[in-house]
């Protein structure tokens, strides 16, 4: 099992092109972004690859959070913190 956290709206690298007159550049802080957790697992003998589990932070799943092209994720759930908890891990 592998658990990864993802910050929504925080690219890993950015290229910014500005005029020479611009001396200061301000960017948004990743600290104020929403995050989610994705859990991937495999069967020990390699015969079965369960779908990933996507965990949003919240109390219920809003339809607007799930893109229509999202494929392969059969389990989309929520937790108050956006992290896994015992009831999600054992489901």
Protein backbone atom coordinates (compact mmCIF):
# COMPACT_ATOMS: atom_id res chain seq x y z
CA UNK A 1 0.00 0.00 0.00
CA UNK A 2 1.23 3.48 -0.83
CA UNK A 3 -0.35 6.67 0.48
CA UNK A 4 0.37 9.98 -1.23
CA UNK A 5 -0.84 13.46 -0.42
CA UNK A 6 -1.59 15.90 -3.21
CA UNK A 7 -2.10 19.65 -2.92
CA UNK A 8 -4.70 20.86 -5.38
CA UNK A 9 -3.54 23.80 -7.48
CA UNK A 10 0.16 23.58 -6.54
CA UNK A 11 2.26 22.69 -9.56
CA UNK A 12 5.67 21.17 -8.93
CA UNK A 13 7.48 23.73 -11.04
CA UNK A 14 6.62 27.07 -12.55
CA UNK A 15 8.11 29.28 -15.23
CA UNK A 16 7.23 32.95 -14.97
CA UNK A 17 8.05 35.45 -17.72
CA UNK A 18 7.81 39.11 -16.76
CA UNK A 19 9.14 42.40 -18.13
CA UNK A 20 12.57 43.53 -16.87
CA UNK A 21 10.90 46.40 -14.99
CA UNK A 22 9.24 43.96 -12.59
CA UNK A 23 11.51 43.70 -9.56
CA UNK A 24 9.25 41.76 -7.17
CA UNK A 25 7.26 38.65 -7.90
CA UNK A 26 4.65 37.30 -5.52
CA UNK A 27 3.21 33.81 -5.72
CA UNK A 28 0.48 32.09 -3.77
CA UNK A 29 1.43 30.00 -0.80
CA UNK A 30 0.93 26.23 -0.96
CA UNK A 31 -0.10 26.38 2.70
CA UNK A 32 -3.56 27.70 1.84
CA UNK A 33 -4.38 25.05 -0.77
CA UNK A 34 -6.74 22.13 -0.38
CA UNK A 35 -5.23 18.68 -0.28
CA UNK A 36 -6.41 15.14 -0.84
CA UNK A 37 -5.02 11.67 -0.25
CA UNK A 38 -4.69 8.85 -2.78
CA UNK A 39 -4.04 5.28 -1.67
CA UNK A 40 -2.81 2.66 -4.13
CA UNK A 41 -2.34 -1.02 -3.30
CA UNK A 42 -1.44 -4.29 -5.00
CA UNK A 43 -2.09 -7.93 -4.17
CA UNK A 44 0.98 -9.74 -2.81
CA UNK A 45 0.90 -12.32 -5.61
CA UNK A 46 0.27 -9.70 -8.31
CA UNK A 47 -3.01 -11.27 -9.42
CA UNK A 48 -5.24 -8.35 -8.52
CA UNK A 49 -4.77 -4.59 -8.62
CA UNK A 50 -7.48 -2.92 -6.55
CA UNK A 51 -8.55 0.54 -7.73
CA UNK A 52 -7.06 3.56 -5.99
CA UNK A 53 -8.87 5.16 -3.06
CA UNK A 54 -9.28 8.94 -3.24
CA UNK A 55 -9.96 10.72 0.07
CA UNK A 56 -11.24 14.29 0.07
CA UNK A 57 -11.45 16.48 3.15
CA UNK A 58 -15.06 17.02 4.20
CA UNK A 59 -18.26 15.44 5.42
CA UNK A 60 -19.85 14.39 2.13
CA UNK A 61 -18.80 14.17 -1.52
CA UNK A 62 -19.95 17.02 -3.73
CA UNK A 63 -20.71 16.07 -7.33
CA UNK A 64 -18.64 19.02 -8.59
CA UNK A 65 -15.49 17.50 -7.00
CA UNK A 66 -15.51 14.49 -9.31
CA UNK A 67 -14.61 15.06 -12.96
CA UNK A 68 -16.59 13.02 -15.50
CA UNK A 69 -13.36 11.66 -17.01
CA UNK A 70 -12.13 10.23 -13.71
CA UNK A 71 -11.55 6.56 -14.46
CA UNK A 72 -10.20 3.64 -12.48
CA UNK A 73 -11.12 5.11 -9.11
CA UNK A 74 -13.95 3.03 -7.75
CA UNK A 75 -13.59 4.31 -4.19
CA UNK A 76 -14.00 8.02 -3.60
CA UNK A 77 -14.66 8.94 0.00
CA UNK A 78 -14.27 11.73 2.56
CA UNK A 79 -12.81 12.15 6.03
CA UNK A 80 -12.80 15.22 8.28
CA UNK A 81 -9.06 15.73 7.73
CA UNK A 82 -8.63 14.41 4.19
CA UNK A 83 -6.35 11.68 5.49
CA UNK A 84 -6.99 7.98 5.87
CA UNK A 85 -8.49 6.64 9.06
CA UNK A 86 -9.24 3.19 10.41
CA UNK A 87 -12.72 2.89 8.88
CA UNK A 88 -11.41 3.85 5.42
CA UNK A 89 -8.28 1.68 5.56
CA UNK A 90 -10.24 -1.43 6.52
CA UNK A 91 -13.05 -0.95 3.98
